[in-house]
Amino acid sequence: MPSPTTHPHELMRLPYAEAALAPVISASTIGHHYGKHHKTYVDTLNKLVADTDLAGMSLQDTIAATKGQFDKRKIYNSAGQVWNHDFYWRSLKPGGGGKPPQALMPMIDASFGSAQACTERLASAAGEHFGSGWVWLVQEGSRLVVSHTDNADGPHPPAGHPLLVIDLWEHAYYLDYQEKRAAHVEAVLDKLINWGFAADNLARSG
């Protein structure tokens, strides 16, 4: 899980070089996605919370304090996008994919039947999602579920503990895949998804 970030919020450092996820995600896409979109969310959030009672709050506290409040929707959207992107970059790694670590397998088998079935469910949920958003692997009690959320929304405790996420916004893939989002998701699951991050999140949730 990303560490709580206080105001002024900072753009997280990528855990790998911008070119490290190529050819699945190009350095050009990372440069725009991380260096422009993600940075803009951080900068906007800092401007919006400056000199308010939200200044100094962690991202999760800011999200909780603004969720469902129409007059604070810009703050909620910015905070949610910063948190989701912090989590997304850690959900990927060079040389990822493959078989999940053994620590995840009992819950994966109990919830989906197999690691392949889990991966297929993530891919199908991404395909079912309309418009911009995110697809998540989430722990809910003693089971794992796949969910998808719109825009800046995401699953947060106590509703569930996110383990992994894939970004479905067009800026995550369009430079490399144009309209072929399904091909992007398939490649991410096959070659980049960070199952070790999911296992670490599962251990922390307990």
N, C-alpha and C. Protein backbone atom coordinates (compact mmCIF):
# COMPACT_ATOMS: atom_id res chain seq x y z
N MET A 1 0.85 -1.19 0.00
CA MET A 1 0.00 0.00 0.00
C MET A 1 0.88 1.24 0.00
N PRO A 2 0.48 2.31 -0.73
CA PRO A 2 1.26 3.53 -0.68
C PRO A 2 1.29 4.10 0.72
N SER A 3 2.41 4.71 1.09
CA SER A 3 2.51 5.34 2.40
C SER A 3 1.63 6.57 2.43
N PRO A 4 1.02 6.88 3.61
CA PRO A 4 0.24 8.12 3.71
C PRO A 4 1.11 9.32 3.33
N THR A 5 0.54 10.22 2.55
CA THR A 5 1.26 11.38 2.10
C THR A 5 0.59 12.63 2.65
N THR A 6 1.33 13.51 3.28
CA THR A 6 0.75 14.72 3.84
C THR A 6 1.05 15.90 2.93
N HIS A 7 0.32 16.97 3.15
CA HIS A 7 0.48 18.19 2.36
C HIS A 7 1.79 18.88 2.72
N PRO A 8 2.57 19.38 1.77
CA PRO A 8 2.24 19.26 0.35
C PRO A 8 2.47 17.85 -0.18
N HIS A 9 1.49 17.35 -0.89
CA HIS A 9 1.61 16.01 -1.46
C HIS A 9 2.72 16.00 -2.51
N GLU A 10 3.41 14.90 -2.62
CA GLU A 10 4.53 14.79 -3.54
C GLU A 10 4.27 13.71 -4.58
N LEU A 11 4.79 13.95 -5.76
CA LEU A 11 4.74 12.93 -6.81
C LEU A 11 5.68 11.79 -6.41
N MET A 12 5.13 10.60 -6.29
CA MET A 12 5.95 9.46 -5.91
C MET A 12 7.05 9.22 -6.95
N ARG A 13 8.14 8.64 -6.50
CA ARG A 13 9.20 8.24 -7.42
C ARG A 13 8.84 6.90 -8.04
N LEU A 14 8.94 6.79 -9.35
CA LEU A 14 8.68 5.50 -10.00
C LEU A 14 9.64 4.45 -9.46
N PRO A 15 9.16 3.22 -9.25
CA PRO A 15 10.05 2.17 -8.75
C PRO A 15 10.92 1.53 -9.82
N TYR A 16 10.95 2.10 -11.02
CA TYR A 16 11.74 1.58 -12.14
C TYR A 16 11.95 2.74 -13.12
N ALA A 17 12.84 2.57 -14.07
CA ALA A 17 13.08 3.58 -15.09
C ALA A 17 11.89 3.67 -16.04
N GLU A 18 11.74 4.82 -16.68
CA GLU A 18 10.59 5.02 -17.58
C GLU A 18 10.57 4.01 -18.72
N ALA A 19 11.72 3.53 -19.14
CA ALA A 19 11.77 2.58 -20.25
C ALA A 19 11.71 1.13 -19.80
N ALA A 20 11.60 0.89 -18.50
CA ALA A 20 11.74 -0.47 -17.97
C ALA A 20 10.56 -1.38 -18.30
N LEU A 21 9.42 -0.81 -18.62
CA LEU A 21 8.24 -1.63 -18.90
C LEU A 21 8.03 -1.88 -20.39
N ALA A 22 8.90 -1.35 -21.22
CA ALA A 22 8.81 -1.58 -22.66
C ALA A 22 9.17 -3.03 -22.98
N PRO A 23 8.59 -3.60 -24.04
CA PRO A 23 7.73 -2.95 -25.02
C PRO A 23 6.24 -2.94 -24.67
N VAL A 24 5.86 -3.52 -23.54
CA VAL A 24 4.43 -3.56 -23.20
C VAL A 24 3.90 -2.14 -22.98
N ILE A 25 4.64 -1.34 -22.20
CA ILE A 25 4.30 0.06 -22.01
C ILE A 25 5.56 0.85 -22.34
N SER A 26 5.47 1.70 -23.33
CA SER A 26 6.65 2.41 -23.82
C SER A 26 7.08 3.53 -22.88
N ALA A 27 8.33 3.93 -23.03
CA ALA A 27 8.84 5.07 -22.25
C ALA A 27 8.04 6.33 -22.57
N SER A 28 7.57 6.46 -23.80
CA SER A 28 6.77 7.62 -24.18
C SER A 28 5.46 7.65 -23.39
N THR A 29 4.81 6.49 -23.29
CA THR A 29 3.57 6.42 -22.52
C THR A 29 3.82 6.73 -21.05
N ILE A 30 4.88 6.15 -20.48
CA ILE A 30 5.20 6.43 -19.08
C ILE A 30 5.50 7.91 -18.89
N GLY A 31 6.23 8.51 -19.82
CA GLY A 31 6.55 9.92 -19.71
C GLY A 31 5.32 10.80 -19.66
N HIS A 32 4.34 10.51 -20.50
CA HIS A 32 3.10 11.28 -20.50
C HIS A 32 2.21 10.93 -19.30
N HIS A 33 2.08 9.65 -19.03
CA HIS A 33 1.17 9.19 -17.99
C HIS A 33 1.65 9.63 -16.61
N TYR A 34 2.90 9.33 -16.33
CA TYR A 34 3.47 9.67 -15.02
C TYR A 34 3.90 11.14 -14.95
N GLY A 35 4.65 11.58 -15.96
CA GLY A 35 5.24 12.91 -15.90
C GLY A 35 4.26 14.04 -16.13
N LYS A 36 3.13 13.76 -16.77
CA LYS A 36 2.14 14.80 -17.03
C LYS A 36 0.84 14.55 -16.25
N HIS A 37 0.16 13.43 -16.52
CA HIS A 37 -1.13 13.19 -15.86
C HIS A 37 -1.00 13.04 -14.35
N HIS A 38 -0.15 12.13 -13.91
CA HIS A 38 0.00 11.90 -12.48
C HIS A 38 0.49 13.17 -11.78
N LYS A 39 1.48 13.82 -12.34
CA LYS A 39 2.01 15.05 -11.74
C LYS A 39 0.95 16.13 -11.65
N THR A 40 0.11 16.24 -12.67
CA THR A 40 -0.94 17.25 -12.66
C THR A 40 -1.94 16.99 -11.53
N TYR A 41 -2.27 15.72 -11.29
CA TYR A 41 -3.18 15.41 -10.18
C TYR A 41 -2.57 15.86 -8.85
N VAL A 42 -1.28 15.60 -8.66
CA VAL A 42 -0.60 16.00 -7.42
C VAL A 42 -0.61 17.52 -7.28
N ASP A 43 -0.22 18.22 -8.34
CA ASP A 43 -0.15 19.69 -8.29
C ASP A 43 -1.52 20.29 -8.05
N THR A 44 -2.55 19.75 -8.71
CA THR A 44 -3.91 20.26 -8.55
C THR A 44 -4.40 20.04 -7.13
N LEU A 45 -4.14 18.85 -6.58
CA LEU A 45 -4.57 18.56 -5.22
C LEU A 45 -3.94 19.54 -4.24
N ASN A 46 -2.66 19.79 -4.37
CA ASN A 46 -2.00 20.73 -3.46
C ASN A 46 -2.61 22.12 -3.54
N LYS A 47 -2.95 22.58 -4.73
CA LYS A 47 -3.58 23.89 -4.87
C LYS A 47 -4.96 23.91 -4.23
N LEU A 48 -5.71 22.83 -4.40
CA LEU A 48 -7.08 22.80 -3.90
C LEU A 48 -7.17 22.73 -2.38
N VAL A 49 -6.21 22.06 -1.74
CA VAL A 49 -6.30 21.89 -0.28
C VAL A 49 -5.51 22.94 0.48
N ALA A 50 -4.73 23.75 -0.22
CA ALA A 50 -3.94 24.78 0.47
C ALA A 50 -4.84 25.71 1.27
N ASP A 51 -4.46 25.96 2.53
CA ASP A 51 -5.19 26.87 3.41
C ASP A 51 -6.61 26.42 3.70
N THR A 52 -6.84 25.10 3.67
CA THR A 52 -8.14 24.54 4.06
C THR A 52 -7.92 23.55 5.20
N ASP A 53 -9.03 23.08 5.76
CA ASP A 53 -8.90 22.10 6.85
C ASP A 53 -8.43 20.74 6.36
N LEU A 54 -8.30 20.58 5.03
CA LEU A 54 -7.81 19.33 4.48
C LEU A 54 -6.29 19.33 4.33
N ALA A 55 -5.67 20.48 4.45
CA ALA A 55 -4.21 20.56 4.35
C ALA A 55 -3.59 19.75 5.48
N GLY A 56 -2.61 18.92 5.13
CA GLY A 56 -1.97 18.08 6.13
C GLY A 56 -2.57 16.71 6.27
N MET A 57 -3.74 16.46 5.65
CA MET A 57 -4.35 15.13 5.71
C MET A 57 -3.63 14.18 4.76
N SER A 58 -3.64 12.89 5.10
CA SER A 58 -3.15 11.87 4.19
C SER A 58 -4.11 11.76 3.00
N LEU A 59 -3.64 11.10 1.96
CA LEU A 59 -4.50 10.90 0.80
C LEU A 59 -5.78 10.16 1.17
N GLN A 60 -5.64 9.07 1.94
CA GLN A 60 -6.82 8.29 2.30
C GLN A 60 -7.80 9.09 3.14
N ASP A 61 -7.28 9.89 4.06
CA ASP A 61 -8.16 10.72 4.88
C ASP A 61 -8.85 11.79 4.03
N THR A 62 -8.11 12.34 3.07
CA THR A 62 -8.70 13.34 2.17
C THR A 62 -9.81 12.72 1.33
N ILE A 63 -9.56 11.52 0.82
CA ILE A 63 -10.59 10.81 0.04
C ILE A 63 -11.83 10.56 0.89
N ALA A 64 -11.63 10.07 2.11
CA ALA A 64 -12.76 9.77 2.99
C ALA A 64 -13.54 11.03 3.35
N ALA A 65 -12.83 12.14 3.53
CA ALA A 65 -13.47 13.38 3.96
C ALA A 65 -14.24 14.08 2.84
N THR A 66 -13.95 13.75 1.60
CA THR A 66 -14.57 14.45 0.47
C THR A 66 -15.49 13.57 -0.37
N LYS A 67 -15.47 12.28 -0.15
CA LYS A 67 -16.29 11.37 -0.95
C LYS A 67 -17.77 11.71 -0.83
N GLY A 68 -18.44 11.83 -1.96
CA GLY A 68 -19.87 12.08 -1.99
C GLY A 68 -20.26 13.52 -1.73
N GLN A 69 -19.30 14.42 -1.57
CA GLN A 69 -19.60 15.83 -1.33
C GLN A 69 -19.43 16.62 -2.62
N PHE A 70 -20.53 17.09 -3.14
CA PHE A 70 -20.52 17.73 -4.46
C PHE A 70 -19.58 18.93 -4.49
N ASP A 71 -19.55 19.71 -3.43
CA ASP A 71 -18.73 20.91 -3.44
C ASP A 71 -17.24 20.61 -3.29
N LYS A 72 -16.91 19.37 -2.97
CA LYS A 72 -15.51 18.97 -2.83
C LYS A 72 -15.11 17.92 -3.87
N ARG A 73 -15.88 17.80 -4.93
CA ARG A 73 -15.65 16.72 -5.90
C ARG A 73 -14.30 16.88 -6.61
N LYS A 74 -13.84 18.12 -6.83
CA LYS A 74 -12.55 18.31 -7.48
C LYS A 74 -11.41 17.81 -6.59
N ILE A 75 -11.54 18.05 -5.29
CA ILE A 75 -10.52 17.56 -4.36
C ILE A 75 -10.57 16.04 -4.31
N TYR A 76 -11.77 15.48 -4.22
CA TYR A 76 -11.91 14.02 -4.18
C TYR A 76 -11.32 13.39 -5.43
N ASN A 77 -11.62 13.94 -6.60
CA ASN A 77 -11.12 13.36 -7.84
C ASN A 77 -9.59 13.43 -7.90
N SER A 78 -9.03 14.56 -7.50
CA SER A 78 -7.57 14.69 -7.54
C SER A 78 -6.91 13.75 -6.55
N ALA A 79 -7.42 13.69 -5.33
CA ALA A 79 -6.83 12.81 -4.31
C ALA A 79 -6.98 11.35 -4.71
N GLY A 80 -8.15 10.99 -5.23
CA GLY A 80 -8.36 9.61 -5.66
C GLY A 80 -7.43 9.22 -6.78
N GLN A 81 -7.21 10.11 -7.72
CA GLN A 81 -6.32 9.80 -8.84
C GLN A 81 -4.86 9.70 -8.39
N VAL A 82 -4.45 10.53 -7.44
CA VAL A 82 -3.09 10.40 -6.93
C VAL A 82 -2.92 9.05 -6.24
N TRP A 83 -3.86 8.69 -5.38
CA TRP A 83 -3.77 7.42 -4.65
C TRP A 83 -3.79 6.24 -5.63
N ASN A 84 -4.72 6.26 -6.57
CA ASN A 84 -4.83 5.16 -7.53
C ASN A 84 -3.56 5.00 -8.36
N HIS A 85 -2.98 6.12 -8.79
CA HIS A 85 -1.76 6.03 -9.58
C HIS A 85 -0.57 5.56 -8.75
N ASP A 86 -0.46 6.03 -7.52
CA ASP A 86 0.60 5.52 -6.63
C ASP A 86 0.52 4.00 -6.52
N PHE A 87 -0.70 3.50 -6.41
CA PHE A 87 -0.93 2.06 -6.27
C PHE A 87 -0.68 1.35 -7.60
N TYR A 88 -1.07 1.97 -8.69
CA TYR A 88 -0.91 1.38 -10.02
C TYR A 88 0.55 1.14 -10.37
N TRP A 89 1.41 2.14 -10.17
CA TRP A 89 2.82 1.96 -10.55
C TRP A 89 3.45 0.81 -9.79
N ARG A 90 3.04 0.59 -8.56
CA ARG A 90 3.58 -0.52 -7.76
C ARG A 90 2.96 -1.86 -8.16
N SER A 91 1.84 -1.82 -8.87
CA SER A 91 1.19 -3.05 -9.33
C SER A 91 1.86 -3.62 -10.57
N LEU A 92 2.84 -2.90 -11.10
CA LEU A 92 3.58 -3.34 -12.28
C LEU A 92 5.05 -3.50 -11.93
N LYS A 93 5.74 -4.36 -12.69
CA LYS A 93 7.18 -4.45 -12.55
C LYS A 93 7.78 -5.06 -13.81
N PRO A 94 9.01 -4.69 -14.13
CA PRO A 94 9.67 -5.35 -15.27
C PRO A 94 9.79 -6.85 -15.00
N GLY A 95 9.50 -7.66 -15.99
CA GLY A 95 9.57 -9.10 -15.81
C GLY A 95 8.49 -9.65 -14.91
N GLY A 96 7.36 -8.98 -14.86
CA GLY A 96 6.25 -9.44 -14.02
C GLY A 96 5.44 -10.54 -14.69
N GLY A 97 4.22 -10.69 -14.26
CA GLY A 97 3.37 -11.76 -14.77
C GLY A 97 3.77 -13.09 -14.19
N GLY A 98 3.49 -14.15 -14.91
CA GLY A 98 3.84 -15.48 -14.44
C GLY A 98 2.91 -15.98 -13.34
N LYS A 99 3.40 -16.93 -12.56
CA LYS A 99 2.60 -17.54 -11.51
C LYS A 99 2.67 -16.72 -10.23
N PRO A 100 1.54 -16.48 -9.58
CA PRO A 100 1.56 -15.75 -8.31
C PRO A 100 2.36 -16.50 -7.26
N PRO A 101 2.93 -15.80 -6.27
CA PRO A 101 3.67 -16.48 -5.21
C PRO A 101 2.77 -17.41 -4.40
N GLN A 102 3.39 -18.39 -3.76
CA GLN A 102 2.63 -19.39 -3.02
C GLN A 102 1.76 -18.77 -1.94
N ALA A 103 2.20 -17.63 -1.37
CA ALA A 103 1.42 -16.99 -0.31
C ALA A 103 0.03 -16.57 -0.78
N LEU A 104 -0.13 -16.34 -2.09
CA LEU A 104 -1.42 -15.94 -2.63
C LEU A 104 -2.29 -17.11 -3.07
N MET A 105 -1.66 -18.26 -3.35
CA MET A 105 -2.38 -19.33 -4.03
C MET A 105 -3.56 -19.91 -3.27
N PRO A 106 -3.49 -20.14 -1.95
CA PRO A 106 -4.67 -20.69 -1.27
C PRO A 106 -5.91 -19.82 -1.46
N MET A 107 -5.75 -18.50 -1.34
CA MET A 107 -6.91 -17.62 -1.49
C MET A 107 -7.34 -17.50 -2.95
N ILE A 108 -6.38 -17.50 -3.87
CA ILE A 108 -6.72 -17.48 -5.30
C ILE A 108 -7.49 -18.74 -5.68
N ASP A 109 -6.99 -19.89 -5.25
CA ASP A 109 -7.66 -21.16 -5.58
C ASP A 109 -9.06 -21.21 -4.99
N ALA A 110 -9.19 -20.75 -3.74
CA ALA A 110 -10.50 -20.79 -3.08
C ALA A 110 -11.49 -19.82 -3.73
N SER A 111 -10.99 -18.70 -4.24
CA SER A 111 -11.87 -17.66 -4.78
C SER A 111 -12.16 -17.83 -6.26
N PHE A 112 -11.19 -18.33 -7.03
CA PHE A 112 -11.34 -18.40 -8.49
C PHE A 112 -11.18 -19.79 -9.07
N GLY A 113 -10.54 -20.69 -8.33
CA GLY A 113 -10.30 -22.04 -8.82
C GLY A 113 -8.88 -22.26 -9.30
N SER A 114 -8.24 -21.20 -9.81
CA SER A 114 -6.87 -21.31 -10.29
C SER A 114 -6.32 -19.91 -10.56
N ALA A 115 -5.00 -19.82 -10.70
CA ALA A 115 -4.38 -18.54 -11.05
C ALA A 115 -4.82 -18.09 -12.44
N GLN A 116 -4.94 -19.04 -13.36
CA GLN A 116 -5.39 -18.69 -14.71
C GLN A 116 -6.80 -18.10 -14.69
N ALA A 117 -7.67 -18.70 -13.89
CA ALA A 117 -9.04 -18.20 -13.79
C ALA A 117 -9.08 -16.80 -13.19
N CYS A 118 -8.19 -16.54 -12.23
CA CYS A 118 -8.09 -15.20 -11.64
C CYS A 118 -7.67 -14.19 -12.70
N THR A 119 -6.65 -14.53 -13.47
CA THR A 119 -6.17 -13.64 -14.52
C THR A 119 -7.24 -13.41 -15.57
N GLU A 120 -7.96 -14.46 -15.94
CA GLU A 120 -9.02 -14.32 -16.93
C GLU A 120 -10.15 -13.43 -16.41
N ARG A 121 -10.42 -13.52 -15.11
CA ARG A 121 -11.47 -12.67 -14.54
C ARG A 121 -11.06 -11.20 -14.54
N LEU A 122 -9.79 -10.93 -14.26
CA LEU A 122 -9.30 -9.55 -14.34
C LEU A 122 -9.43 -9.02 -15.75
N ALA A 123 -9.06 -9.84 -16.73
CA ALA A 123 -9.15 -9.42 -18.13
C ALA A 123 -10.59 -9.19 -18.56
N SER A 124 -11.48 -10.07 -18.14
CA SER A 124 -12.88 -9.92 -18.55
C SER A 124 -13.52 -8.71 -17.87
N ALA A 125 -13.15 -8.44 -16.62
CA ALA A 125 -13.68 -7.26 -15.93
C ALA A 125 -13.22 -5.98 -16.62
N ALA A 126 -11.97 -5.98 -17.09
CA ALA A 126 -11.47 -4.83 -17.84
C ALA A 126 -12.26 -4.65 -19.12
N GLY A 127 -12.59 -5.76 -19.79
CA GLY A 127 -13.36 -5.68 -21.01
C GLY A 127 -14.79 -5.24 -20.78
N GLU A 128 -15.35 -5.58 -19.63
CA GLU A 128 -16.72 -5.21 -19.30
C GLU A 128 -16.86 -3.73 -18.93
N HIS A 129 -15.75 -3.13 -18.51
CA HIS A 129 -15.83 -1.76 -18.00
C HIS A 129 -16.03 -0.78 -19.13
N PHE A 130 -17.01 0.12 -18.97
CA PHE A 130 -17.28 1.14 -19.98
C PHE A 130 -16.60 2.44 -19.57
N GLY A 131 -15.81 2.99 -20.48
CA GLY A 131 -15.19 4.28 -20.21
C GLY A 131 -13.95 4.17 -19.34
N SER A 132 -13.57 5.29 -18.74
CA SER A 132 -12.34 5.37 -17.96
C SER A 132 -12.54 4.77 -16.57
N GLY A 133 -11.45 4.20 -16.03
CA GLY A 133 -11.56 3.63 -14.70
C GLY A 133 -10.43 2.69 -14.39
N TRP A 134 -10.74 1.70 -13.56
CA TRP A 134 -9.72 0.81 -12.99
C TRP A 134 -10.31 -0.57 -12.76
N VAL A 135 -9.49 -1.61 -12.88
CA VAL A 135 -9.91 -2.96 -12.50
C VAL A 135 -9.00 -3.42 -11.38
N TRP A 136 -9.59 -3.97 -10.32
CA TRP A 136 -8.90 -4.26 -9.07
C TRP A 136 -9.01 -5.73 -8.67
N LEU A 137 -7.95 -6.23 -8.04
CA LEU A 137 -8.02 -7.46 -7.28
C LEU A 137 -8.09 -7.04 -5.82
N VAL A 138 -9.14 -7.46 -5.13
CA VAL A 138 -9.44 -6.95 -3.79
C VAL A 138 -9.68 -8.11 -2.83
N GLN A 139 -9.15 -7.99 -1.63
CA GLN A 139 -9.46 -8.93 -0.56
C GLN A 139 -10.69 -8.44 0.18
N GLU A 140 -11.69 -9.28 0.26
CA GLU A 140 -12.87 -9.00 1.08
C GLU A 140 -13.02 -10.14 2.07
N GLY A 141 -12.56 -9.93 3.29
CA GLY A 141 -12.60 -10.98 4.29
C GLY A 141 -11.70 -12.14 3.90
N SER A 142 -12.28 -13.33 3.79
CA SER A 142 -11.51 -14.54 3.51
C SER A 142 -11.46 -14.87 2.02
N ARG A 143 -11.90 -13.96 1.16
CA ARG A 143 -11.92 -14.26 -0.27
C ARG A 143 -11.38 -13.09 -1.07
N LEU A 144 -11.04 -13.38 -2.31
CA LEU A 144 -10.62 -12.35 -3.25
C LEU A 144 -11.72 -12.13 -4.27
N VAL A 145 -11.88 -10.89 -4.68
CA VAL A 145 -12.86 -10.54 -5.71
C VAL A 145 -12.20 -9.62 -6.72
N VAL A 146 -12.76 -9.59 -7.91
CA VAL A 146 -12.34 -8.64 -8.94
C VAL A 146 -13.44 -7.60 -9.08
N SER A 147 -13.06 -6.34 -9.05
CA SER A 147 -14.04 -5.27 -9.20
C SER A 147 -13.49 -4.22 -10.15
N HIS A 148 -14.37 -3.39 -10.68
CA HIS A 148 -13.90 -2.26 -11.47
C HIS A 148 -14.62 -1.00 -11.02
N THR A 149 -13.92 0.11 -11.07
CA THR A 149 -14.45 1.38 -10.60
C THR A 149 -14.30 2.44 -11.67
N ASP A 150 -15.12 3.47 -11.59
CA ASP A 150 -15.11 4.56 -12.56
C ASP A 150 -14.17 5.68 -12.11
N ASN A 151 -13.59 6.35 -13.08
CA ASN A 151 -12.91 7.62 -12.88
C ASN A 151 -11.90 7.57 -11.75
N ALA A 152 -12.12 8.32 -10.65
CA ALA A 152 -11.16 8.37 -9.54
C ALA A 152 -11.54 7.45 -8.39
N ASP A 153 -12.61 6.69 -8.53
CA ASP A 153 -13.05 5.83 -7.44
C ASP A 153 -12.12 4.62 -7.28
N GLY A 154 -12.13 4.05 -6.07
CA GLY A 154 -11.36 2.85 -5.79
C GLY A 154 -11.85 2.20 -4.53
N PRO A 155 -11.53 0.94 -4.32
CA PRO A 155 -11.92 0.25 -3.09
C PRO A 155 -10.97 0.63 -1.95
N HIS A 156 -11.53 1.02 -0.84
CA HIS A 156 -10.71 1.39 0.31
C HIS A 156 -11.27 0.72 1.56
N PRO A 157 -10.38 0.36 2.50
CA PRO A 157 -10.85 -0.23 3.76
C PRO A 157 -11.86 0.73 4.42
N PRO A 158 -12.87 0.21 5.13
CA PRO A 158 -13.04 -1.21 5.47
C PRO A 158 -13.81 -2.02 4.43
N ALA A 159 -14.21 -1.39 3.32
CA ALA A 159 -14.99 -2.12 2.31
C ALA A 159 -14.18 -3.24 1.69
N GLY A 160 -12.90 -3.06 1.54
CA GLY A 160 -12.03 -4.07 0.96
C GLY A 160 -10.60 -3.60 0.97
N HIS A 161 -9.69 -4.53 0.78
CA HIS A 161 -8.27 -4.22 0.77
C HIS A 161 -7.72 -4.49 -0.64
N PRO A 162 -7.43 -3.45 -1.41
CA PRO A 162 -6.92 -3.67 -2.77
C PRO A 162 -5.55 -4.32 -2.76
N LEU A 163 -5.36 -5.27 -3.66
CA LEU A 163 -4.08 -5.96 -3.80
C LEU A 163 -3.35 -5.57 -5.07
N LEU A 164 -4.09 -5.34 -6.15
CA LEU A 164 -3.53 -4.97 -7.45
C LEU A 164 -4.53 -4.08 -8.18
N VAL A 165 -4.02 -3.29 -9.12
CA VAL A 165 -4.92 -2.52 -9.98
C VAL A 165 -4.31 -2.40 -11.37
N ILE A 166 -5.19 -2.32 -12.38
CA ILE A 166 -4.79 -2.01 -13.75
C ILE A 166 -5.55 -0.76 -14.18
N ASP A 167 -4.83 0.20 -14.72
CA ASP A 167 -5.41 1.46 -15.15
C ASP A 167 -6.10 1.27 -16.51
N LEU A 168 -7.38 1.68 -16.60
CA LEU A 168 -8.14 1.54 -17.83
C LEU A 168 -8.37 2.88 -18.53
N TRP A 169 -7.79 3.95 -18.00
CA TRP A 169 -7.89 5.23 -18.68
C TRP A 169 -7.11 5.17 -20.00
N GLU A 170 -7.58 5.90 -21.01
CA GLU A 170 -6.93 5.85 -22.32
C GLU A 170 -5.47 6.29 -22.28
N HIS A 171 -5.13 7.23 -21.39
CA HIS A 171 -3.74 7.69 -21.37
C HIS A 171 -2.78 6.60 -20.90
N ALA A 172 -3.31 5.50 -20.34
CA ALA A 172 -2.46 4.40 -19.90
C ALA A 172 -1.99 3.53 -21.06
N TYR A 173 -2.67 3.60 -22.20
CA TYR A 173 -2.35 2.65 -23.27
C TYR A 173 -2.47 3.19 -24.69
N TYR A 174 -3.09 4.35 -24.89
CA TYR A 174 -3.48 4.72 -26.25
C TYR A 174 -2.30 4.98 -27.18
N LEU A 175 -1.21 5.53 -26.67
CA LEU A 175 -0.05 5.77 -27.53
C LEU A 175 0.53 4.46 -28.08
N ASP A 176 0.39 3.39 -27.30
CA ASP A 176 0.96 2.10 -27.70
C ASP A 176 -0.05 1.17 -28.38
N TYR A 177 -1.31 1.26 -28.01
CA TYR A 177 -2.29 0.27 -28.47
C TYR A 177 -3.50 0.90 -29.17
N GLN A 178 -3.55 2.22 -29.26
CA GLN A 178 -4.72 2.91 -29.80
C GLN A 178 -5.99 2.41 -29.08
N GLU A 179 -6.98 1.95 -29.86
CA GLU A 179 -8.24 1.55 -29.23
C GLU A 179 -8.22 0.11 -28.68
N LYS A 180 -7.11 -0.59 -28.78
CA LYS A 180 -7.07 -2.01 -28.42
C LYS A 180 -6.74 -2.18 -26.93
N ARG A 181 -7.66 -1.77 -26.09
CA ARG A 181 -7.44 -1.83 -24.64
C ARG A 181 -7.29 -3.27 -24.17
N ALA A 182 -8.04 -4.18 -24.73
CA ALA A 182 -7.98 -5.58 -24.31
C ALA A 182 -6.58 -6.15 -24.53
N ALA A 183 -5.95 -5.79 -25.64
CA ALA A 183 -4.59 -6.27 -25.92
C ALA A 183 -3.61 -5.72 -24.90
N HIS A 184 -3.79 -4.47 -24.52
CA HIS A 184 -2.94 -3.87 -23.49
C HIS A 184 -3.09 -4.60 -22.16
N VAL A 185 -4.33 -4.83 -21.74
CA VAL A 185 -4.58 -5.50 -20.47
C VAL A 185 -3.99 -6.91 -20.48
N GLU A 186 -4.17 -7.61 -21.58
CA GLU A 186 -3.62 -8.97 -21.69
C GLU A 186 -2.10 -8.96 -21.55
N ALA A 187 -1.44 -8.01 -22.19
CA ALA A 187 0.02 -7.92 -22.12
C ALA A 187 0.48 -7.56 -20.72
N VAL A 188 -0.23 -6.66 -20.07
CA VAL A 188 0.11 -6.29 -18.69
C VAL A 188 0.01 -7.49 -17.76
N LEU A 189 -1.07 -8.24 -17.88
CA LEU A 189 -1.25 -9.41 -17.02
C LEU A 189 -0.21 -10.49 -17.30
N ASP A 190 0.18 -10.61 -18.56
CA ASP A 190 1.12 -11.65 -18.95
C ASP A 190 2.57 -11.31 -18.61
N LYS A 191 2.94 -10.01 -18.68
CA LYS A 191 4.35 -9.65 -18.62
C LYS A 191 4.73 -8.63 -17.56
N LEU A 192 3.75 -7.93 -16.97
CA LEU A 192 4.10 -6.84 -16.05
C LEU A 192 3.45 -6.91 -14.68
N ILE A 193 2.36 -7.62 -14.52
CA ILE A 193 1.63 -7.54 -13.24
C ILE A 193 2.52 -8.02 -12.10
N ASN A 194 2.49 -7.28 -11.00
CA ASN A 194 3.40 -7.51 -9.87
C ASN A 194 2.69 -8.33 -8.79
N TRP A 195 2.71 -9.63 -8.94
CA TRP A 195 2.06 -10.51 -7.96
C TRP A 195 2.71 -10.41 -6.59
N GLY A 196 4.00 -10.09 -6.55
CA GLY A 196 4.66 -9.93 -5.26
C GLY A 196 4.09 -8.77 -4.47
N PHE A 197 3.73 -7.69 -5.16
CA PHE A 197 3.08 -6.55 -4.51
C PHE A 197 1.74 -6.96 -3.93
N ALA A 198 1.00 -7.78 -4.69
CA ALA A 198 -0.29 -8.28 -4.19
C ALA A 198 -0.10 -9.12 -2.93
N ALA A 199 0.91 -9.99 -2.93
CA ALA A 199 1.17 -10.82 -1.76
C ALA A 199 1.55 -9.96 -0.56
N ASP A 200 2.35 -8.93 -0.79
CA ASP A 200 2.72 -8.04 0.32
C ASP A 200 1.49 -7.32 0.88
N ASN A 201 0.60 -6.88 0.01
CA ASN A 201 -0.63 -6.21 0.47
C ASN A 201 -1.53 -7.16 1.24
N LEU A 202 -1.60 -8.40 0.79
CA LEU A 202 -2.40 -9.41 1.51
C LEU A 202 -1.83 -9.63 2.90
N ALA A 203 -0.51 -9.73 3.01
CA ALA A 203 0.12 -9.94 4.32
C ALA A 203 -0.15 -8.75 5.24
N ARG A 204 -0.10 -7.53 4.70
CA ARG A 204 -0.33 -6.34 5.52
C ARG A 204 -1.77 -6.21 5.96
N SER A 205 -2.70 -6.70 5.13
CA SER A 205 -4.13 -6.56 5.47
C SER A 205 -4.51 -7.42 6.65
N GLY A 206 -3.75 -8.50 6.90
CA GLY A 206 -4.06 -9.40 8.01
C GLY A 206 -3.54 -8.90 9.32
